[in-house]
Amino acid sequence: MNPQVSSGTFDSFFAWAPWVVGIAIYLMFYIAKRHENATAHAAPAGAAEPTYACA
């Protein structure tokens, strides 16, 4: 018994595998971050003491 995969099936698998893996990774990050809220907001203009970095 020596089952072989046809060359068409073999080529199709390796043609689609990078797309499937890429989409799976993208969906994993999307699902992990979809409920994440931005916690660090920029301070209002007058809240901090000026640094005079542009002077």
PDB file of N, CA and C in Angstrom:
ATOM      1  N   MET A   1       0.836  -1.189   0.000  1.00  0.00           N
ATOM      2  CA  MET A   1       0.000   0.000   0.000  1.00  0.00           C
ATOM      3  C   MET A   1       0.876   1.246   0.000  1.00  0.00           C
ATOM      4  N   ASN A   2       0.759   2.004  -1.030  1.00  0.00           N
ATOM      5  CA  ASN A   2       1.525   3.238  -1.129  1.00  0.00           C
ATOM      6  C   ASN A   2       0.615   4.322  -1.707  1.00  0.00           C
ATOM      7  N   PRO A   3      -0.248   4.892  -0.862  1.00  0.00           N
ATOM      8  CA  PRO A   3      -1.148   5.928  -1.389  1.00  0.00           C
ATOM      9  C   PRO A   3      -0.360   7.183  -1.755  1.00  0.00           C
ATOM     10  N   GLN A   4      -0.682   7.738  -2.901  1.00  0.00           N
ATOM     11  CA  GLN A   4      -0.007   8.946  -3.354  1.00  0.00           C
ATOM     12  C   GLN A   4      -1.028  10.041  -3.577  1.00  0.00           C
ATOM     13  N   VAL A   5      -0.596  11.244  -3.335  1.00  0.00           N
ATOM     14  CA  VAL A   5      -1.437  12.413  -3.574  1.00  0.00           C
ATOM     15  C   VAL A   5      -1.169  12.874  -4.994  1.00  0.00           C
ATOM     16  N   SER A   6      -2.222  13.175  -5.712  1.00  0.00           N
ATOM     17  CA  SER A   6      -2.029  13.629  -7.084  1.00  0.00           C
ATOM     18  C   SER A   6      -1.292  14.961  -7.101  1.00  0.00           C
ATOM     19  N   SER A   7      -0.614  15.230  -8.187  1.00  0.00           N
ATOM     20  CA  SER A   7       0.161  16.472  -8.267  1.00  0.00           C
ATOM     21  C   SER A   7      -0.752  17.693  -8.241  1.00  0.00           C
ATOM     22  N   GLY A   8      -1.957  17.574  -8.786  1.00  0.00           N
ATOM     23  CA  GLY A   8      -2.899  18.693  -8.749  1.00  0.00           C
ATOM     24  C   GLY A   8      -3.320  19.032  -7.330  1.00  0.00           C
ATOM     25  N   THR A   9      -3.608  18.013  -6.530  1.00  0.00           N
ATOM     26  CA  THR A   9      -3.974  18.224  -5.131  1.00  0.00           C
ATOM     27  C   THR A   9      -2.804  18.796  -4.348  1.00  0.00           C
ATOM     28  N   PHE A  10      -1.623  18.268  -4.602  1.00  0.00           N
ATOM     29  CA  PHE A  10      -0.411  18.744  -3.933  1.00  0.00           C
ATOM     30  C   PHE A  10      -0.162  20.213  -4.262  1.00  0.00           C
ATOM     31  N   ASP A  11      -0.268  20.577  -5.537  1.00  0.00           N
ATOM     32  CA  ASP A  11      -0.060  21.966  -5.958  1.00  0.00           C
ATOM     33  C   ASP A  11      -1.121  22.894  -5.372  1.00  0.00           C
ATOM     34  N   SER A  12      -2.370  22.439  -5.357  1.00  0.00           N
ATOM     35  CA  SER A  12      -3.445  23.270  -4.806  1.00  0.00           C
ATOM     36  C   SER A  12      -3.250  23.517  -3.318  1.00  0.00           C
ATOM     37  N   PHE A  13      -2.832  22.481  -2.601  1.00  0.00           N
ATOM     38  CA  PHE A  13      -2.615  22.629  -1.163  1.00  0.00           C
ATOM     39  C   PHE A  13      -1.558  23.687  -0.891  1.00  0.00           C
ATOM     40  N   PHE A  14      -0.431  23.605  -1.575  1.00  0.00           N
ATOM     41  CA  PHE A  14       0.648  24.552  -1.318  1.00  0.00           C
ATOM     42  C   PHE A  14       0.387  25.916  -1.942  1.00  0.00           C
ATOM     43  N   ALA A  15      -0.543  26.002  -2.871  1.00  0.00           N
ATOM     44  CA  ALA A  15      -0.923  27.304  -3.409  1.00  0.00           C
ATOM     45  C   ALA A  15      -1.820  28.053  -2.429  1.00  0.00           C
ATOM     46  N   TRP A  16      -2.714  27.335  -1.753  1.00  0.00           N
ATOM     47  CA  TRP A  16      -3.668  27.970  -0.845  1.00  0.00           C
ATOM     48  C   TRP A  16      -3.188  28.042   0.593  1.00  0.00           C
ATOM     49  N   ALA A  17      -2.223  27.227   0.979  1.00  0.00           N
ATOM     50  CA  ALA A  17      -1.774  27.171   2.371  1.00  0.00           C
ATOM     51  C   ALA A  17      -1.297  28.521   2.911  1.00  0.00           C
ATOM     52  N   PRO A  18      -0.483  29.306   2.186  1.00  0.00           N
ATOM     53  CA  PRO A  18      -0.066  30.603   2.740  1.00  0.00           C
ATOM     54  C   PRO A  18      -1.238  31.549   2.970  1.00  0.00           C
ATOM     55  N   TRP A  19      -2.215  31.519   2.076  1.00  0.00           N
ATOM     56  CA  TRP A  19      -3.394  32.379   2.250  1.00  0.00           C
ATOM     57  C   TRP A  19      -4.189  31.969   3.482  1.00  0.00           C
ATOM     58  N   VAL A  20      -4.391  30.670   3.639  1.00  0.00           N
ATOM     59  CA  VAL A  20      -5.175  30.171   4.778  1.00  0.00           C
ATOM     60  C   VAL A  20      -4.468  30.484   6.088  1.00  0.00           C
ATOM     61  N   VAL A  21      -3.169  30.263   6.148  1.00  0.00           N
ATOM     62  CA  VAL A  21      -2.412  30.550   7.369  1.00  0.00           C
ATOM     63  C   VAL A  21      -2.418  32.049   7.655  1.00  0.00           C
ATOM     64  N   GLY A  22      -2.247  32.872   6.631  1.00  0.00           N
ATOM     65  CA  GLY A  22      -2.264  34.324   6.815  1.00  0.00           C
ATOM     66  C   GLY A  22      -3.604  34.825   7.320  1.00  0.00           C
ATOM     67  N   ILE A  23      -4.678  34.332   6.745  1.00  0.00           N
ATOM     68  CA  ILE A  23      -6.017  34.739   7.186  1.00  0.00           C
ATOM     69  C   ILE A  23      -6.279  34.257   8.610  1.00  0.00           C
ATOM     70  N   ALA A  24      -5.816  33.057   8.943  1.00  0.00           N
ATOM     71  CA  ALA A  24      -5.995  32.545  10.309  1.00  0.00           C
ATOM     72  C   ALA A  24      -5.261  33.417  11.319  1.00  0.00           C
ATOM     73  N   ILE A  25      -4.040  33.843  10.995  1.00  0.00           N
ATOM     74  CA  ILE A  25      -3.285  34.716  11.900  1.00  0.00           C
ATOM     75  C   ILE A  25      -3.972  36.064  12.029  1.00  0.00           C
ATOM     76  N   TYR A  26      -4.439  36.622  10.910  1.00  0.00           N
ATOM     77  CA  TYR A  26      -5.150  37.901  10.943  1.00  0.00           C
ATOM     78  C   TYR A  26      -6.399  37.801  11.815  1.00  0.00           C
ATOM     79  N   LEU A  27      -7.184  36.756  11.634  1.00  0.00           N
ATOM     80  CA  LEU A  27      -8.402  36.593  12.434  1.00  0.00           C
ATOM     81  C   LEU A  27      -8.083  36.395  13.910  1.00  0.00           C
ATOM     82  N   MET A  28      -6.999  35.700  14.207  1.00  0.00           N
ATOM     83  CA  MET A  28      -6.607  35.497  15.601  1.00  0.00           C
ATOM     84  C   MET A  28      -6.319  36.842  16.267  1.00  0.00           C
ATOM     85  N   PHE A  29      -5.546  37.706  15.593  1.00  0.00           N
ATOM     86  CA  PHE A  29      -5.258  39.018  16.160  1.00  0.00           C
ATOM     87  C   PHE A  29      -6.505  39.889  16.218  1.00  0.00           C
ATOM     88  N   TYR A  30      -7.367  39.799  15.209  1.00  0.00           N
ATOM     89  CA  TYR A  30      -8.601  40.586  15.209  1.00  0.00           C
ATOM     90  C   TYR A  30      -9.492  40.197  16.389  1.00  0.00           C
ATOM     91  N   ILE A  31      -9.666  38.912  16.596  1.00  0.00           N
ATOM     92  CA  ILE A  31     -10.513  38.445  17.700  1.00  0.00           C
ATOM     93  C   ILE A  31      -9.895  38.817  19.040  1.00  0.00           C
ATOM     94  N   ALA A  32      -8.570  38.739  19.144  1.00  0.00           N
ATOM     95  CA  ALA A  32      -7.909  39.054  20.411  1.00  0.00           C
ATOM     96  C   ALA A  32      -8.003  40.536  20.744  1.00  0.00           C
ATOM     97  N   LYS A  33      -8.029  41.408  19.746  1.00  0.00           N
ATOM     98  CA  LYS A  33      -7.957  42.842  19.998  1.00  0.00           C
ATOM     99  C   LYS A  33      -9.262  43.587  19.755  1.00  0.00           C
ATOM    100  N   ARG A  34     -10.333  42.919  19.373  1.00  0.00           N
ATOM    101  CA  ARG A  34     -11.554  43.644  19.006  1.00  0.00           C
ATOM    102  C   ARG A  34     -12.223  44.337  20.184  1.00  0.00           C
ATOM    103  N   HIS A  35     -12.023  43.853  21.397  1.00  0.00           N
ATOM    104  CA  HIS A  35     -12.641  44.490  22.564  1.00  0.00           C
ATOM    105  C   HIS A  35     -11.651  45.334  23.348  1.00  0.00           C
ATOM    106  N   GLU A  36     -10.464  45.529  22.804  1.00  0.00           N
ATOM    107  CA  GLU A  36      -9.441  46.297  23.511  1.00  0.00           C
ATOM    108  C   GLU A  36      -9.751  47.787  23.390  1.00  0.00           C
ATOM    109  N   ASN A  37      -9.684  48.483  24.505  1.00  0.00           N
ATOM    110  CA  ASN A  37      -9.929  49.922  24.517  1.00  0.00           C
ATOM    111  C   ASN A  37      -8.612  50.661  24.649  1.00  0.00           C
ATOM    112  N   ALA A  38      -8.560  51.829  24.061  1.00  0.00           N
ATOM    113  CA  ALA A  38      -7.365  52.657  24.204  1.00  0.00           C
ATOM    114  C   ALA A  38      -7.371  53.236  25.611  1.00  0.00           C
ATOM    115  N   THR A  39      -6.360  52.936  26.393  1.00  0.00           N
ATOM    116  CA  THR A  39      -6.326  53.402  27.777  1.00  0.00           C
ATOM    117  C   THR A  39      -5.473  54.648  27.935  1.00  0.00           C
ATOM    118  N   ALA A  40      -4.506  54.851  27.071  1.00  0.00           N
ATOM    119  CA  ALA A  40      -3.616  56.005  27.192  1.00  0.00           C
ATOM    120  C   ALA A  40      -4.033  57.068  26.180  1.00  0.00           C
ATOM    121  N   HIS A  41      -4.618  58.127  26.687  1.00  0.00           N
ATOM    122  CA  HIS A  41      -5.029  59.227  25.826  1.00  0.00           C
ATOM    123  C   HIS A  41      -4.057  60.382  26.011  1.00  0.00           C
ATOM    124  N   ALA A  42      -3.939  61.185  25.002  1.00  0.00           N
ATOM    125  CA  ALA A  42      -3.069  62.356  25.095  1.00  0.00           C
ATOM    126  C   ALA A  42      -3.667  63.344  26.089  1.00  0.00           C
ATOM    127  N   ALA A  43      -2.815  63.995  26.838  1.00  0.00           N
ATOM    128  CA  ALA A  43      -3.271  64.977  27.821  1.00  0.00           C
ATOM    129  C   ALA A  43      -3.742  66.235  27.096  1.00  0.00           C
ATOM    130  N   PRO A  44      -4.693  66.940  27.662  1.00  0.00           N
ATOM    131  CA  PRO A  44      -5.131  68.204  27.069  1.00  0.00           C
ATOM    132  C   PRO A  44      -3.972  69.200  27.004  1.00  0.00           C
ATOM    133  N   ALA A  45      -4.097  70.190  26.159  1.00  0.00           N
ATOM    134  CA  ALA A  45      -3.001  71.123  25.886  1.00  0.00           C
ATOM    135  C   ALA A  45      -2.529  71.866  27.132  1.00  0.00           C
ATOM    136  N   GLY A  46      -3.421  72.282  28.016  1.00  0.00           N
ATOM    137  CA  GLY A  46      -3.019  73.077  29.163  1.00  0.00           C
ATOM    138  C   GLY A  46      -2.790  72.284  30.431  1.00  0.00           C
ATOM    139  N   ALA A  47      -2.854  70.981  30.389  1.00  0.00           N
ATOM    140  CA  ALA A  47      -2.785  70.181  31.604  1.00  0.00           C
ATOM    141  C   ALA A  47      -1.365  70.045  32.143  1.00  0.00           C
ATOM    142  N   ALA A  48      -0.391  69.964  31.289  1.00  0.00           N
ATOM    143  CA  ALA A  48       0.983  69.751  31.745  1.00  0.00           C
ATOM    144  C   ALA A  48       1.778  71.049  31.635  1.00  0.00           C
ATOM    145  N   GLU A  49       2.847  71.098  32.377  1.00  0.00           N
ATOM    146  CA  GLU A  49       3.717  72.268  32.314  1.00  0.00           C
ATOM    147  C   GLU A  49       4.477  72.240  30.988  1.00  0.00           C
ATOM    148  N   PRO A  50       4.618  73.372  30.329  1.00  0.00           N
ATOM    149  CA  PRO A  50       5.296  73.375  29.024  1.00  0.00           C
ATOM    150  C   PRO A  50       6.768  72.985  29.155  1.00  0.00           C
ATOM    151  N   THR A  51       7.270  72.308  28.134  1.00  0.00           N
ATOM    152  CA  THR A  51       8.657  71.845  28.167  1.00  0.00           C
ATOM    153  C   THR A  51       9.586  72.760  27.383  1.00  0.00           C
ATOM    154  N   TYR A  52       9.057  73.619  26.566  1.00  0.00           N
ATOM    155  CA  TYR A  52       9.833  74.539  25.728  1.00  0.00           C
ATOM    156  C   TYR A  52      10.824  73.786  24.839  1.00  0.00           C
ATOM    157  N   ALA A  53      10.402  72.659  24.309  1.00  0.00           N
ATOM    158  CA  ALA A  53      11.276  71.857  23.464  1.00  0.00           C
ATOM    159  C   ALA A  53      11.543  72.538  22.123  1.00  0.00           C
ATOM    160  N   CYS A  54      10.650  73.404  21.685  1.00  0.00           N
ATOM    161  CA  CYS A  54      10.815  74.042  20.384  1.00  0.00           C
ATOM    162  C   CYS A  54      11.572  75.366  20.485  1.00  0.00           C
ATOM    163  N   ALA A  55      11.874  75.829  21.688  1.00  0.00           N
ATOM    164  CA  ALA A  55      12.503  77.139  21.848  1.00  0.00           C
ATOM    165  C   ALA A  55      13.969  77.112  21.485  1.00  0.00           C
TER     166      ALA A  55
END
